[in-house]
């Protein structure tokens, strides 16, 4: 689908691994040809999200909260 080559499908994740997987798998059920257009903004939480995204070749942008809580 060349008409979608510049399209980006963005998901944001903050400790919602199971919901994120469901959302991505549901999207890909209808639009499998757009898998390379997906990017996930991930909070780098240790819930297995990063590993699942890597295993499924989903692009990620990761950030970490480095603020000190008092």
Protein backbone atom coordinates (compact mmCIF):
# COMPACT_ATOMS: atom_id res chain seq x y z
CA UNK A 1 0.00 0.00 0.00
CA UNK A 2 2.08 2.87 -1.27
CA UNK A 3 -0.54 5.43 -0.29
CA UNK A 4 0.22 4.68 3.38
CA UNK A 5 4.04 4.76 3.17
CA UNK A 6 4.24 8.05 5.11
CA UNK A 7 1.64 7.04 7.72
CA UNK A 8 2.71 6.37 11.31
CA UNK A 9 0.51 4.49 13.73
CA UNK A 10 1.55 5.44 17.26
CA UNK A 11 0.75 3.66 20.50
CA UNK A 12 1.71 4.84 23.96
CA UNK A 13 2.46 2.44 26.78
CA UNK A 14 2.67 2.97 30.50
CA UNK A 15 2.49 -0.34 32.35
CA UNK A 16 -0.37 -1.65 30.19
CA UNK A 17 1.39 -4.54 28.44
CA UNK A 18 -1.64 -6.78 27.94
CA UNK A 19 -3.83 -3.95 26.60
CA UNK A 20 -1.06 -2.77 24.31
CA UNK A 21 -0.58 -6.26 22.86
CA UNK A 22 -4.33 -6.59 22.34
CA UNK A 23 -4.49 -3.20 20.60
CA UNK A 24 -1.56 -3.94 18.29
CA UNK A 25 -2.75 -7.45 17.45
CA UNK A 26 -6.28 -6.14 16.78
CA UNK A 27 -4.94 -3.42 14.50
CA UNK A 28 -2.74 -5.89 12.62
CA UNK A 29 -5.66 -8.28 12.18
CA UNK A 30 -7.29 -5.70 9.91
CA UNK A 31 -4.15 -4.00 8.53
CA UNK A 32 -1.24 -6.49 8.56
CA UNK A 33 0.46 -4.63 5.72
CA UNK A 34 0.93 -1.59 8.00
CA UNK A 35 3.09 -3.38 10.60
CA UNK A 36 6.19 -1.42 9.57
CA UNK A 37 4.31 1.83 10.20
CA UNK A 38 3.75 1.12 13.91
CA UNK A 39 5.81 2.83 16.61
CA UNK A 40 5.27 2.45 20.35
CA UNK A 41 6.23 5.07 22.94
CA UNK A 42 7.25 2.82 25.82
CA UNK A 43 7.98 3.84 29.43
CA UNK A 44 10.71 1.18 29.80
CA UNK A 45 8.86 -0.51 32.66
CA UNK A 46 10.00 -4.07 33.41
CA UNK A 47 6.70 -5.76 32.59
CA UNK A 48 7.85 -7.58 29.44
CA UNK A 49 6.52 -4.98 27.00
CA UNK A 50 9.93 -4.18 25.55
CA UNK A 51 10.72 -7.86 25.01
CA UNK A 52 7.39 -8.52 23.28
CA UNK A 53 7.81 -5.50 21.01
CA UNK A 54 11.36 -6.54 20.12
CA UNK A 55 10.30 -10.16 19.47
CA UNK A 56 7.55 -8.92 17.13
CA UNK A 57 9.77 -6.38 15.34
CA UNK A 58 7.73 -3.37 16.46
CA UNK A 59 9.63 -0.08 16.52
CA UNK A 60 9.87 1.67 19.88
CA UNK A 61 10.79 4.99 21.38
CA UNK A 62 11.63 4.62 25.06
CA UNK A 63 11.82 7.17 27.80
CA UNK A 64 12.57 6.81 31.48
CA UNK A 65 11.50 8.99 34.36
CA UNK A 66 14.69 10.23 35.96
CA UNK A 67 13.02 12.66 38.33
CA UNK A 68 13.70 12.28 42.02
CA UNK A 69 10.61 11.94 44.21
CA UNK A 70 10.81 13.56 47.62
